[in-house]
Protein backbone atom coordinates (compact mmCIF):
# COMPACT_ATOMS: atom_id res chain seq x y z
CA UNK A 1 107.15 210.48 -9.59
CA UNK A 2 107.78 214.19 -9.10
CA UNK A 3 106.63 215.23 -5.64
CA UNK A 4 105.03 218.42 -6.94
CA UNK A 5 103.25 216.64 -9.81
CA UNK A 6 100.35 214.49 -8.61
CA UNK A 7 99.90 211.01 -10.05
CA UNK A 8 97.16 211.50 -12.60
CA UNK A 9 97.21 207.99 -14.04
CA UNK A 10 93.95 207.17 -12.29
CA UNK A 11 91.89 209.75 -14.13
CA UNK A 12 93.77 210.33 -17.38
CA UNK A 13 91.43 209.99 -20.36
CA UNK A 14 92.11 206.92 -22.46
CA UNK A 15 91.66 207.76 -26.12
CA UNK A 16 90.76 204.16 -26.94
CA UNK A 17 88.05 203.86 -24.28
CA UNK A 18 85.00 205.65 -22.99
CA UNK A 19 85.53 209.16 -21.66
CA UNK A 20 84.62 209.81 -18.03
CA UNK A 21 81.17 211.29 -17.53
CA UNK A 22 81.92 214.53 -15.75
CA UNK A 23 78.84 216.49 -14.74
CA UNK A 24 80.48 219.77 -15.58
CA UNK A 25 83.67 221.31 -16.91
CA UNK A 26 84.37 222.71 -13.45
CA UNK A 27 84.35 219.15 -12.02
CA UNK A 28 86.81 218.07 -14.68
CA UNK A 29 89.05 221.06 -14.06
CA UNK A 30 89.06 220.42 -10.34
CA UNK A 31 90.79 217.10 -11.04
CA UNK A 32 93.43 218.54 -13.34
CA UNK A 33 96.92 218.87 -11.81
CA UNK A 34 97.63 222.58 -11.72
CA UNK A 35 101.24 223.55 -12.23
CA UNK A 36 103.13 224.12 -9.01
CA UNK A 37 105.79 226.18 -10.78
CA UNK A 38 106.00 229.81 -9.72
CA UNK A 39 106.60 232.01 -12.75
CA UNK A 40 109.12 234.73 -12.11
CA UNK A 41 110.38 237.32 -14.60
CA UNK A 42 113.81 238.79 -15.07
CA UNK A 43 113.78 242.40 -13.94
CA UNK A 44 115.96 244.42 -16.33
CA UNK A 45 116.13 248.16 -15.72
CA UNK A 46 113.33 249.72 -17.86
CA UNK A 47 115.66 252.58 -18.81
CA UNK A 48 118.24 250.10 -20.10
CA UNK A 49 115.54 248.27 -22.04
CA UNK A 50 114.55 251.49 -23.75
CA UNK A 51 118.19 252.33 -24.49
CA UNK A 52 118.87 248.88 -25.94
CA UNK A 53 115.70 248.92 -28.05
CA UNK A 54 116.80 252.23 -29.60
CA UNK A 55 120.46 251.22 -29.99
CA UNK A 56 119.68 247.97 -31.80
CA UNK A 57 116.38 249.10 -33.36
CA UNK A 58 114.54 246.06 -32.01
CA UNK A 59 111.19 245.40 -30.28
CA UNK A 60 111.00 245.67 -26.51
CA UNK A 61 111.06 241.90 -25.94
CA UNK A 62 114.33 241.65 -27.88
CA UNK A 63 115.74 244.44 -25.72
CA UNK A 64 114.67 242.67 -22.50
CA UNK A 65 116.54 239.56 -23.59
CA UNK A 66 119.67 241.58 -24.41
CA UNK A 67 119.67 243.66 -21.21
CA UNK A 68 119.23 240.52 -19.09
CA UNK A 69 122.62 239.49 -20.52
CA UNK A 70 124.26 242.83 -19.75
CA UNK A 71 123.99 244.13 -23.32
CA UNK A 72 122.65 247.68 -23.31
CA UNK A 73 124.68 249.31 -26.06
CA UNK A 74 126.35 248.18 -29.27
CA UNK A 75 129.68 248.54 -27.47
CA UNK A 76 128.48 246.05 -24.82
CA UNK A 77 127.57 243.63 -27.58
CA UNK A 78 130.99 243.54 -29.26
CA UNK A 79 132.70 241.05 -26.88
CA UNK A 80 129.50 239.05 -26.40
CA UNK A 81 128.66 238.59 -30.08
CA UNK A 82 132.31 238.28 -31.11
CA UNK A 83 133.98 235.84 -28.68
CA UNK A 84 137.56 236.40 -29.79
CA UNK A 85 140.38 234.43 -28.19
CA UNK A 86 142.51 237.58 -28.15
CA UNK A 87 140.16 238.82 -25.41
CA UNK A 88 141.30 236.20 -22.90
CA UNK A 89 142.79 237.60 -19.71
CA UNK A 90 146.55 237.54 -19.17
CA UNK A 91 147.24 234.18 -17.47
CA UNK A 92 149.85 235.83 -15.27
CA UNK A 93 147.08 237.71 -13.48
CA UNK A 94 146.36 234.40 -11.73
CA UNK A 95 148.14 234.01 -8.41
CA UNK A 96 150.90 231.41 -8.60
CA UNK A 97 151.14 231.35 -12.39
CA UNK A 98 154.69 232.65 -12.65
CA UNK A 99 156.01 230.14 -10.09
CA UNK A 100 154.14 227.29 -11.83
CA UNK A 101 155.48 228.16 -15.28
CA UNK A 102 159.06 228.54 -14.06
CA UNK A 103 158.93 225.15 -12.32
CA UNK A 104 157.49 223.41 -15.39
CA UNK A 105 160.05 225.05 -17.71
CA UNK A 106 162.83 223.85 -15.43
CA UNK A 107 161.48 220.30 -15.54
CA UNK A 108 161.18 220.36 -19.34
CA UNK A 109 164.63 221.85 -19.83
CA UNK A 110 166.15 219.07 -17.73
CA UNK A 111 164.32 216.37 -19.66
CA UNK A 112 162.74 215.18 -16.42
CA UNK A 113 159.31 213.47 -16.29
CA UNK A 114 156.10 215.27 -15.30
CA UNK A 115 153.03 213.43 -14.01
CA UNK A 116 149.60 214.95 -14.66
CA UNK A 117 147.04 213.81 -12.09
CA UNK A 118 143.44 214.32 -13.22
CA UNK A 119 140.17 213.89 -11.37
CA UNK A 120 138.04 211.03 -12.71
CA UNK A 121 135.14 213.17 -13.99
CA UNK A 122 134.78 214.92 -17.36
CA UNK A 123 136.43 218.14 -16.17
CA UNK A 124 139.43 216.31 -14.73
CA UNK A 125 139.97 213.88 -17.59
CA UNK A 126 139.59 216.52 -20.32
CA UNK A 127 142.00 218.82 -18.48
CA UNK A 128 144.56 216.03 -18.06
CA UNK A 129 144.19 215.08 -21.73
CA UNK A 130 144.70 218.68 -22.84
CA UNK A 131 147.81 219.17 -20.69
CA UNK A 132 149.30 215.85 -21.85
CA UNK A 133 148.77 216.68 -25.52
CA UNK A 134 149.96 220.29 -25.18
CA UNK A 135 153.04 219.59 -23.07
CA UNK A 136 154.02 216.63 -25.23
CA UNK A 137 153.88 218.88 -28.31
CA UNK A 138 156.17 221.32 -26.47
CA UNK A 139 158.78 218.61 -25.90
CA UNK A 140 157.95 217.59 -22.33
CA UNK A 141 158.30 214.05 -21.02
CA UNK A 142 154.81 213.66 -19.58
CA UNK A 143 152.49 210.93 -18.25
CA UNK A 144 148.95 210.90 -16.85
CA UNK A 145 147.33 209.28 -13.82
CA UNK A 146 143.59 209.08 -13.13
CA UNK A 147 142.66 207.61 -9.72
CA UNK A 148 140.17 204.84 -9.00
CA UNK A 149 136.94 206.24 -7.58
CA UNK A 150 136.38 203.12 -5.46
CA UNK A 151 139.85 202.38 -4.10
CA UNK A 152 141.34 205.89 -3.94
CA UNK A 153 138.35 208.17 -3.64
CA UNK A 154 138.11 211.79 -4.70
CA UNK A 155 141.10 214.10 -5.07
CA UNK A 156 144.86 213.82 -5.09
CA UNK A 157 145.78 210.37 -3.76
CA UNK A 158 148.81 208.72 -2.29
CA UNK A 159 148.54 206.18 -5.09
CA UNK A 160 149.14 208.97 -7.58
CA UNK A 161 152.16 210.20 -5.64
CA UNK A 162 153.55 206.66 -5.47
CA UNK A 163 153.15 206.36 -9.24
CA UNK A 164 155.08 209.60 -9.72
CA UNK A 165 157.90 208.13 -7.63
CA UNK A 166 157.76 204.91 -9.66
CA UNK A 167 158.25 206.70 -13.00
CA UNK A 168 160.80 209.14 -11.62
CA UNK A 169 158.58 212.22 -11.94
CA UNK A 170 159.75 214.90 -9.53
CA UNK A 171 156.84 217.14 -10.50
CA UNK A 172 153.13 216.34 -10.26
CA UNK A 173 150.44 218.67 -11.65
CA UNK A 174 146.85 218.19 -10.51
CA UNK A 175 143.80 218.89 -12.67
CA UNK A 176 140.45 219.78 -11.11
CA UNK A 177 141.52 218.71 -7.61
CA UNK A 178 144.09 219.20 -4.88
CA UNK A 179 143.03 222.48 -3.29
CA UNK A 180 142.30 220.74 0.04
CA UNK A 181 144.87 217.91 -0.24
CA UNK A 182 147.05 219.17 2.60
CA UNK A 183 148.14 215.76 3.89
CA UNK A 184 148.75 214.20 0.47
CA UNK A 185 150.83 217.16 -0.72
CA UNK A 186 152.91 216.80 2.46
CA UNK A 187 153.26 213.09 1.67
CA UNK A 188 154.41 213.96 -1.86
CA UNK A 189 157.01 216.35 -0.46
CA UNK A 190 158.32 213.60 1.83
CA UNK A 191 158.75 211.41 -1.27
CA UNK A 192 160.67 214.07 -3.19
CA UNK A 193 157.75 214.97 -5.46
CA UNK A 194 156.83 218.63 -5.88
CA UNK A 195 153.20 219.52 -6.62
CA UNK A 196 151.52 222.21 -8.70
CA UNK A 197 147.78 222.45 -8.08
CA UNK A 198 145.29 223.56 -10.74
CA UNK A 199 141.78 223.59 -9.31
CA UNK A 200 138.60 225.64 -9.13
CA UNK A 201 136.91 224.26 -6.02
CA UNK A 202 136.42 226.45 -2.96
CA UNK A 203 139.64 226.58 -0.87
CA UNK A 204 139.60 225.95 2.85
CA UNK A 205 141.25 228.13 5.47
CA UNK A 206 144.49 226.16 5.14
CA UNK A 207 146.15 225.49 1.79
CA UNK A 208 148.54 222.70 0.78
CA UNK A 209 152.27 223.48 0.77
CA UNK A 210 152.54 223.19 -3.02
CA UNK A 211 155.10 224.83 -5.33
CA UNK A 212 152.21 226.82 -6.80
CA UNK A 213 148.44 226.86 -6.47
CA UNK A 214 146.40 228.03 -9.45
CA UNK A 215 142.81 228.65 -8.39
CA UNK A 216 141.03 231.93 -9.11
CA UNK A 217 138.76 231.32 -6.11
CA UNK A 218 141.63 231.96 -3.70
CA UNK A 219 140.62 234.99 -1.66
CA UNK A 220 143.79 236.92 -2.57
CA UNK A 221 143.88 235.92 -6.26
CA UNK A 222 143.36 239.00 -8.47
CA UNK A 223 142.30 237.00 -11.53
CA UNK A 224 139.27 238.85 -12.99
CA UNK A 225 137.17 235.80 -13.92
CA UNK A 226 136.29 233.37 -11.13
CA UNK A 227 134.08 231.07 -13.20
CA UNK A 228 136.72 228.85 -14.83
CA UNK A 229 136.28 225.10 -14.51
CA UNK A 230 139.26 222.93 -13.60
CA UNK A 231 140.07 222.47 -17.28
CA UNK A 232 139.90 226.22 -17.81
CA UNK A 233 142.55 226.78 -15.14
CA UNK A 234 144.76 224.10 -16.72
CA UNK A 235 144.17 225.67 -20.13
CA UNK A 236 145.48 229.04 -18.89
CA UNK A 237 148.56 227.26 -17.51
CA UNK A 238 149.21 225.57 -20.85
CA UNK A 239 148.91 228.92 -22.68
CA UNK A 240 151.35 230.53 -20.24
CA UNK A 241 153.88 227.70 -20.69
CA UNK A 242 153.54 227.92 -24.47
CA UNK A 243 154.18 231.66 -24.38
CA UNK A 244 157.17 231.33 -22.04
CA UNK A 245 158.69 228.59 -24.18
CA UNK A 246 158.25 230.49 -27.43
CA UNK A 247 155.75 227.97 -28.80
CA UNK A 248 152.79 228.69 -31.05
CA UNK A 249 149.67 229.01 -28.90
CA UNK A 250 147.82 226.89 -31.45
CA UNK A 251 149.55 223.91 -29.82
CA UNK A 252 147.12 224.58 -26.95
CA UNK A 253 144.14 226.08 -28.79
CA UNK A 254 143.83 222.99 -30.98
CA UNK A 255 142.59 221.25 -27.83
CA UNK A 256 139.93 223.84 -26.95
CA UNK A 257 137.30 221.22 -27.80
CA UNK A 258 138.37 219.21 -24.75
CA UNK A 259 138.06 222.20 -22.44
CA UNK A 260 134.71 223.16 -23.98
CA UNK A 261 133.52 219.66 -23.11
CA UNK A 262 134.67 220.13 -19.52
CA UNK A 263 133.02 223.55 -19.29
CA UNK A 264 129.71 222.14 -20.53
CA UNK A 265 129.81 219.09 -18.26
CA UNK A 266 130.84 220.98 -15.12
CA UNK A 267 127.92 223.46 -15.42
CA UNK A 268 130.05 226.59 -14.99
CA UNK A 269 128.85 229.92 -16.42
CA UNK A 270 129.36 230.17 -20.17
CA UNK A 271 130.39 233.79 -19.90
CA UNK A 272 133.61 235.77 -20.24
CA UNK A 273 136.54 233.42 -20.98
CA UNK A 274 134.36 230.32 -20.89
CA UNK A 275 132.24 231.73 -23.72
CA UNK A 276 135.37 232.29 -25.82
CA UNK A 277 136.79 228.81 -25.16
CA UNK A 278 133.45 227.12 -25.85
CA UNK A 279 133.03 229.13 -29.07
CA UNK A 280 136.43 227.90 -30.31
CA UNK A 281 135.87 224.39 -29.00
CA UNK A 282 132.52 223.95 -30.74
CA UNK A 283 134.12 224.93 -34.04
CA UNK A 284 136.67 222.14 -33.58
CA UNK A 285 134.00 219.61 -32.62
CA UNK A 286 132.03 220.43 -35.76
CA UNK A 287 135.07 219.51 -37.82
CA UNK A 288 135.04 215.97 -36.35
CA UNK A 289 138.82 216.16 -36.16
CA UNK A 290 139.25 214.30 -32.85
CA UNK A 291 138.62 210.55 -33.28
CA UNK A 292 137.53 210.07 -29.68
CA UNK A 293 134.86 212.77 -29.70
CA UNK A 294 133.70 211.78 -33.17
CA UNK A 295 133.27 208.18 -31.96
CA UNK A 296 131.35 209.31 -28.88
CA UNK A 297 129.11 211.49 -31.03
CA UNK A 298 128.37 208.49 -33.21
CA UNK A 299 127.63 205.96 -30.43
CA UNK A 300 125.44 208.57 -28.70
CA UNK A 301 123.21 208.55 -31.78
CA UNK A 302 124.01 212.14 -32.77
CA UNK A 303 125.67 211.44 -36.13
CA UNK A 304 124.64 214.14 -38.58
CA UNK A 305 123.07 216.31 -35.87
CA UNK A 306 124.31 219.83 -35.00
CA UNK A 307 126.84 220.06 -32.18
CA UNK A 308 125.15 221.85 -29.28
CA UNK A 309 125.87 222.27 -25.57
CA UNK A 310 122.74 220.30 -24.76
CA UNK A 311 123.83 217.28 -26.80
CA UNK A 312 127.29 217.46 -25.26
CA UNK A 313 125.91 217.57 -21.71
CA UNK A 314 123.31 214.83 -22.12
CA UNK A 315 124.74 212.72 -24.94
CA UNK A 316 128.53 212.80 -24.69
CA UNK A 317 129.53 213.75 -21.14
CA UNK A 318 127.75 210.82 -19.43
CA UNK A 319 129.72 208.33 -21.52
CA UNK A 320 133.01 209.90 -20.44
CA UNK A 321 131.88 210.01 -16.83
CA UNK A 322 130.90 206.34 -17.09
CA UNK A 323 134.58 205.45 -17.45
CA UNK A 324 135.28 206.53 -13.88
CA UNK A 325 131.91 205.77 -12.29
CA UNK A 326 132.11 202.00 -12.66
CA UNK A 327 135.65 201.26 -13.84
CA UNK A 328 138.96 202.68 -15.02
CA UNK A 329 138.66 206.42 -15.72
CA UNK A 330 141.98 206.28 -17.52
CA UNK A 331 140.01 204.98 -20.51
CA UNK A 332 138.59 208.48 -20.96
CA UNK A 333 142.08 209.93 -21.38
CA UNK A 334 142.99 207.19 -23.86
CA UNK A 335 139.81 207.94 -25.82
CA UNK A 336 140.39 211.71 -25.88
CA UNK A 337 144.05 211.52 -26.82
CA UNK A 338 144.16 208.73 -29.41
CA UNK A 339 144.54 209.52 -33.10
CA UNK A 340 143.43 206.00 -34.09
CA UNK A 341 139.81 205.96 -35.26
CA UNK A 342 139.30 202.22 -34.72
CA UNK A 343 140.75 202.36 -31.21
CA UNK A 344 138.47 205.32 -30.46
CA UNK A 345 135.36 203.49 -31.66
CA UNK A 346 136.28 200.45 -29.55
CA UNK A 347 136.65 202.51 -26.38
CA UNK A 348 133.51 204.55 -27.14
CA UNK A 349 131.44 201.37 -27.49
CA UNK A 350 132.89 200.08 -24.24
CA UNK A 351 131.91 203.30 -22.47
CA UNK A 352 128.45 203.17 -24.04
CA UNK A 353 127.90 199.72 -22.54
CA UNK A 354 129.30 200.93 -19.22
CA UNK A 355 126.91 203.86 -19.27
CA UNK A 356 123.94 201.54 -19.80
CA UNK A 357 125.05 199.50 -16.79
CA UNK A 358 125.41 202.73 -14.81
CA UNK A 359 121.80 203.64 -15.67
CA UNK A 360 120.50 200.35 -14.28
CA UNK A 361 122.43 200.76 -11.04
CA UNK A 362 121.36 204.38 -10.82
CA UNK A 363 117.64 203.65 -11.25
CA UNK A 364 117.73 200.99 -8.53
CA UNK A 365 119.49 203.43 -6.19
CA UNK A 366 116.95 206.17 -6.98
CA UNK A 367 114.10 203.80 -6.09
CA UNK A 368 115.74 202.87 -2.80
CA UNK A 369 116.41 206.52 -2.02
CA UNK A 370 112.77 207.48 -2.68
CA UNK A 371 111.65 204.71 -0.34
CA UNK A 372 113.96 206.11 2.35
CA UNK A 373 112.53 209.60 1.93
CA UNK A 374 109.01 208.34 2.58
CA UNK A 375 110.09 206.00 5.39
CA UNK A 376 112.50 208.23 7.31
CA UNK A 377 111.79 211.86 6.52
CA UNK A 378 109.08 214.39 7.20
CA UNK A 379 109.15 216.71 4.16
CA UNK A 380 106.81 219.20 5.85
CA UNK A 381 109.34 219.84 8.61
CA UNK A 382 112.67 218.79 7.12
CA UNK A 383 113.96 221.06 4.37
CA UNK A 384 116.91 218.88 3.41
CA UNK A 385 117.41 215.17 2.82
CA UNK A 386 120.29 213.00 4.06
CA UNK A 387 120.10 209.41 2.79
CA UNK A 388 122.61 206.62 3.21
CA UNK A 389 122.87 202.89 2.71
CA UNK A 390 125.43 200.12 2.81
CA UNK A 391 126.18 198.85 -0.68
CA UNK A 392 125.21 201.89 -2.73
CA UNK A 393 127.67 202.36 -5.58
CA UNK A 394 129.87 205.43 -5.24
CA UNK A 395 129.86 205.89 -9.00
CA UNK A 396 126.20 206.90 -9.17
CA UNK A 397 125.53 208.80 -5.94
CA UNK A 398 126.13 212.22 -7.51
CA UNK A 399 123.52 211.59 -10.21
CA UNK A 400 121.12 210.13 -7.64
CA UNK A 401 121.56 213.18 -5.40
CA UNK A 402 120.59 215.44 -8.31
CA UNK A 403 117.55 213.28 -9.13
CA UNK A 404 116.28 213.24 -5.54
CA UNK A 405 116.85 216.99 -5.22
CA UNK A 406 114.79 217.57 -8.35
CA UNK A 407 112.01 215.21 -7.24
CA UNK A 408 111.62 216.64 -3.75
CA UNK A 409 112.96 220.18 -4.24
CA UNK A 410 115.35 219.98 -1.32
CA UNK A 411 119.14 220.01 -0.83
CA UNK A 412 120.09 216.34 -0.86
CA UNK A 413 122.99 214.22 0.38
CA UNK A 414 123.35 210.65 -0.90
CA UNK A 415 125.95 208.65 1.01
CA UNK A 416 127.35 205.23 0.10
CA UNK A 417 128.62 203.31 3.14
CA UNK A 418 131.36 200.69 3.00
CA UNK A 419 133.73 199.37 5.69
CA UNK A 420 132.49 201.83 8.29
CA UNK A 421 133.00 204.93 6.11
CA UNK A 422 130.43 206.91 4.14
CA UNK A 423 131.32 208.77 0.99
CA UNK A 424 128.68 211.15 -0.20
CA UNK A 425 127.66 213.55 -2.93
CA UNK A 426 125.43 216.53 -2.27
CA UNK A 427 123.36 218.67 -4.61
CA UNK A 428 121.56 221.89 -3.83
CA UNK A 429 119.83 224.77 -5.57
CA UNK A 430 120.30 228.53 -5.66
CA UNK A 431 119.89 230.02 -2.22
CA UNK A 432 121.50 227.25 -0.16
CA UNK A 433 125.29 227.12 -0.04
CA UNK A 434 126.42 223.53 0.42
CA UNK A 435 130.02 224.41 1.17
CA UNK A 436 128.98 226.70 4.04
CA UNK A 437 126.53 224.09 5.31
CA UNK A 438 129.24 221.43 5.36
CA UNK A 439 131.61 223.82 7.08
CA UNK A 440 129.02 224.10 9.87
CA UNK A 441 129.22 220.30 10.18
CA UNK A 442 133.00 220.01 9.69
CA UNK A 443 133.69 218.51 13.13
CA UNK A 444 131.56 215.49 12.19
CA UNK A 445 133.28 214.87 8.85
CA UNK A 446 136.48 213.17 7.77
CA UNK A 447 136.69 215.55 4.82
CA UNK A 448 134.61 217.64 2.44
CA UNK A 449 134.89 220.01 -0.52
CA UNK A 450 133.10 221.39 -3.54
CA UNK A 451 130.95 224.33 -4.59
CA UNK A 452 127.81 226.10 -3.45
CA UNK A 453 125.45 223.73 -5.28
CA UNK A 454 127.56 220.54 -5.59
CA UNK A 455 129.85 219.04 -2.98
CA UNK A 456 131.28 215.83 -1.60
CA UNK A 457 132.11 214.46 1.84
CA UNK A 458 133.53 211.52 3.73
CA UNK A 459 132.27 210.56 7.18
CA UNK A 460 132.56 207.78 9.73
CA UNK A 461 129.39 205.69 9.63
CA UNK A 462 128.74 206.18 13.35
CA UNK A 463 128.47 209.95 12.77
CA UNK A 464 125.75 209.76 10.10
CA UNK A 465 122.74 210.22 12.37
CA UNK A 466 124.27 213.25 14.07
CA UNK A 467 125.34 214.72 10.73
CA UNK A 468 121.85 214.24 9.32
CA UNK A 469 120.25 216.09 12.24
CA UNK A 470 122.69 218.98 12.09
CA UNK A 471 122.64 219.35 8.29
CA UNK A 472 118.85 219.37 8.24
CA UNK A 473 118.89 221.91 11.07
CA UNK A 474 121.16 224.19 9.03
CA UNK A 475 118.77 223.88 6.08
CA UNK A 476 115.72 224.57 8.24
CA UNK A 477 117.28 227.81 9.46
CA UNK A 478 118.26 228.97 5.97
CA UNK A 479 115.21 227.87 3.95
CA UNK A 480 111.44 227.96 3.98
CA UNK A 481 108.84 225.80 2.24
CA UNK A 482 107.97 228.76 0.05
CA UNK A 483 111.59 229.26 -1.03
CA UNK A 484 111.77 225.61 -2.01
CA UNK A 485 108.79 225.77 -4.32
CA UNK A 486 110.07 225.24 -7.87
CA UNK A 487 110.33 228.33 -10.00
CA UNK A 488 110.48 229.07 -13.69
CA UNK A 489 112.42 232.18 -14.67
CA UNK A 490 110.97 233.96 -17.71
CA UNK A 491 112.45 236.63 -19.94
CA UNK A 492 109.08 238.12 -20.85
CA UNK A 493 105.66 237.70 -22.44
CA UNK A 494 105.26 237.60 -26.19
CA UNK A 495 102.68 236.83 -28.84
CA UNK A 496 103.39 233.74 -30.95
CA UNK A 497 103.30 235.97 -34.04
CA UNK A 498 106.57 237.60 -32.92
CA UNK A 499 108.42 234.31 -33.45
CA UNK A 500 109.76 234.90 -36.96
CA UNK A 501 113.11 234.50 -38.74
CA UNK A 502 114.43 237.68 -37.16
CA UNK A 503 113.71 236.33 -33.68
CA UNK A 504 115.41 233.03 -34.58
CA UNK A 505 118.48 234.97 -35.75
CA UNK A 506 118.57 236.76 -32.38
CA UNK A 507 118.48 233.42 -30.56
CA UNK A 508 121.24 232.05 -32.79
CA UNK A 509 123.42 235.07 -32.07
CA UNK A 510 123.21 234.46 -28.31
CA UNK A 511 124.73 230.97 -28.54
CA UNK A 512 126.49 229.10 -27.05
CA UNK A 513 123.95 228.75 -24.24
CA UNK A 514 124.59 227.46 -20.77
CA UNK A 515 124.70 228.63 -17.14
CA UNK A 516 124.80 232.42 -16.99
CA UNK A 517 123.50 232.57 -20.55
CA UNK A 518 120.54 230.23 -20.63
CA UNK A 519 118.31 230.04 -23.67
CA UNK A 520 115.57 232.69 -23.26
CA UNK A 521 112.38 231.34 -21.74
CA UNK A 522 109.24 233.11 -22.95
CA UNK A 523 105.57 233.07 -21.97
CA UNK A 524 102.53 233.42 -24.19
CA UNK A 525 99.15 233.95 -22.58
CA UNK A 526 95.73 233.16 -23.90
CA UNK A 527 96.86 230.65 -26.54
CA UNK A 528 94.63 227.81 -27.72
CA UNK A 529 95.48 224.15 -28.21
CA UNK A 530 95.42 223.20 -31.89
CA UNK A 531 94.98 219.80 -33.48
CA UNK A 532 95.11 216.56 -31.49
CA UNK A 533 97.63 216.34 -28.66
CA UNK A 534 99.52 213.07 -28.28
CA UNK A 535 101.55 211.31 -25.61
CA UNK A 536 104.79 210.04 -27.09
CA UNK A 537 108.12 208.54 -26.15
CA UNK A 538 109.12 205.95 -23.60
CA UNK A 539 106.18 205.22 -21.27
CA UNK A 540 104.22 207.97 -23.09
CA UNK A 541 105.91 210.53 -20.85
CA UNK A 542 106.21 213.35 -23.39
CA UNK A 543 103.52 215.69 -24.69
CA UNK A 544 103.36 216.45 -28.42
CA UNK A 545 100.93 219.21 -29.37
CA UNK A 546 100.45 222.58 -31.10
CA UNK A 547 99.24 226.04 -30.08
CA UNK A 548 97.56 228.85 -32.00
CA UNK A 549 97.37 232.57 -31.37
CA UNK A 550 96.31 235.38 -33.70
CA UNK A 551 96.49 233.24 -36.80
CA UNK A 552 99.86 231.63 -36.00
CA UNK A 553 100.14 227.92 -35.14
CA UNK A 554 103.36 226.36 -33.83
CA UNK A 555 104.25 222.80 -32.90
CA UNK A 556 105.35 222.10 -29.33
CA UNK A 557 106.96 219.32 -27.33
CA UNK A 558 106.84 218.96 -23.55
CA UNK A 559 109.33 216.47 -22.16
CA UNK A 560 108.01 214.62 -19.09
CA UNK A 561 104.86 216.75 -19.24
CA UNK A 562 102.21 214.06 -19.76
CA UNK A 563 100.52 215.30 -16.59
CA UNK A 564 99.38 218.37 -18.51
CA UNK A 565 97.63 216.40 -21.27
CA UNK A 566 94.04 216.98 -20.12
CA UNK A 567 94.43 220.75 -20.09
CA UNK A 568 94.73 220.65 -23.87
CA UNK A 569 91.31 219.02 -24.17
CA UNK A 570 89.55 221.97 -22.52
CA UNK A 571 88.10 224.74 -24.62
CA UNK A 572 89.94 227.27 -22.49
CA UNK A 573 92.75 229.77 -23.06
CA UNK A 574 96.11 228.50 -21.86
CA UNK A 575 99.26 230.22 -20.64
CA UNK A 576 102.47 228.49 -21.74
CA UNK A 577 106.14 228.90 -20.86
CA UNK A 578 108.67 227.67 -23.41
CA UNK A 579 111.92 228.08 -25.24
CA UNK A 580 111.99 228.52 -29.00
CA UNK A 581 114.07 226.07 -30.97
CA UNK A 582 114.38 224.64 -34.46
CA UNK A 583 113.53 220.98 -34.95
CA UNK A 584 115.13 219.06 -37.79
CA UNK A 585 113.16 216.07 -39.07
CA UNK A 586 113.46 214.22 -42.37
CA UNK A 587 115.49 216.99 -43.95
CA UNK A 588 113.11 219.78 -42.91
CA UNK A 589 113.69 222.46 -40.28
CA UNK A 590 110.69 223.86 -38.42
CA UNK A 591 110.25 226.20 -35.47
CA UNK A 592 109.17 224.32 -32.37
CA UNK A 593 108.32 225.35 -28.82
CA UNK A 594 109.95 223.27 -26.09
CA UNK A 595 107.47 223.59 -23.25
CA UNK A 596 108.45 224.32 -19.67
CA UNK A 597 104.98 224.70 -18.16
CA UNK A 598 101.28 224.99 -18.99
CA UNK A 599 98.72 226.81 -16.87
CA UNK A 600 94.99 227.16 -17.40
CA UNK A 601 94.50 230.80 -18.40
CA UNK A 602 91.87 233.32 -17.49
CA UNK A 603 88.47 232.91 -19.21
CA UNK A 604 88.29 234.69 -22.56
């Protein structure tokens, strides 16, 4: 149950039974769960809105949407609406690129093996797959290694270094990890293995003694775009090697679908170079040319459906992540690199079953975590949550941390304890920097790393109580109850009659959507419920309805919004927040509103 959505099961009207006998509408309304979401609007410069409206000859609401994305003039719109791969930045602007390319070229020229070490998540496995395919096509002798989450933990491992020694690889290249692997890089050096790091996580004060470090987040790295995922950094390396070796860059670009998958799954901004790579990658995915992705699309139940970022994030990425959450993440690389359709389908089905098992473990862990919140924490005075338990599975704690954060609207740490050591995942929201918070607790930790809103740590079990107190103290100083109230960002108010084919074309032109370029969220005020609303889906959690305004009626769906059902039975104006989408059903395409919130409006 969402902490800011009351349990309304006790008074929800049952359509098959007798309606409650309320003495007045006001009594009824007093029982209705009012939305706790705070509606906030983007604040584009009014002068820019006017300029954009004139430049594009569009209504003001169109202009607001464009200006919120930095598009004021037609010149601004050229790179945004035409994501051309020729607009990528020069890879040699990235610190360490020249040294990395020279070392790789030397290894290839000598016919010596290279080991690619990838993290076990989607970003790491897609990056490792792309480098393996690209370098192999360029004539390199190359192998991959994906660590075990349970036995090796996060990041570059000694097991990976030992494997490099075993196969005679004097060069190891990391993907999506390694920026804080000071001790392991030193261990590699002692074993005669040189390391090139490609990563995008926040560096610490001390860096590993690697041959080259490619990470645009290094404080002295002049690379103009800091939002690359780990796969994006590896992609720039592959392009640089292709150029240096005189190879056709298509040897790398033909794998843009893999990097697009990593970009989508890692929730990095789909702007600048990421927008270009995703644009190219989606085109490849729509061709169904990669057996592994085609098989995943099929087992996810998306056969015949348009390829979108949303379906990738929620339908495909979890299956790839499942490979490393509960078992051998190397299966993901095999799936993404095979050209055998039957082999791909077999692995995809295996990962589908693994993902279902992951869901069961995850739901049990969520229930146990919720119990801990109520038993151990005081949400009124503690603005962060630190939960731990012996026996929790490391493979699901990141997802559980995100679920608990969303339920209780607080930065959350979920820590699995085994053999006296806790390994945790943390999730936060805008306004609370996890990496800085962990840095303030660094003396209590065995290790930590990550981003502002997602991070990981390891800690001795006997330090957990002290860490919990300090981490919550940091959160209490940085946050307030008001700042933690959930918010819905809106692009503007509009009448339902404005939603026509021209508006749909505008929305289509803004794709691909994602962080930094979210689908516009609109509000319409004073609408009326139309027809008979229904509760649909598993456990009747979703709201299916329609709204009318000024002669226009549009269907709507509200996922996990059953709590708002009774509002639609009132003869009152309603204010709704939503995104506009097209729903395909039985060969027909219709405009549909995907609801974000419903509020009871002012009396007519």
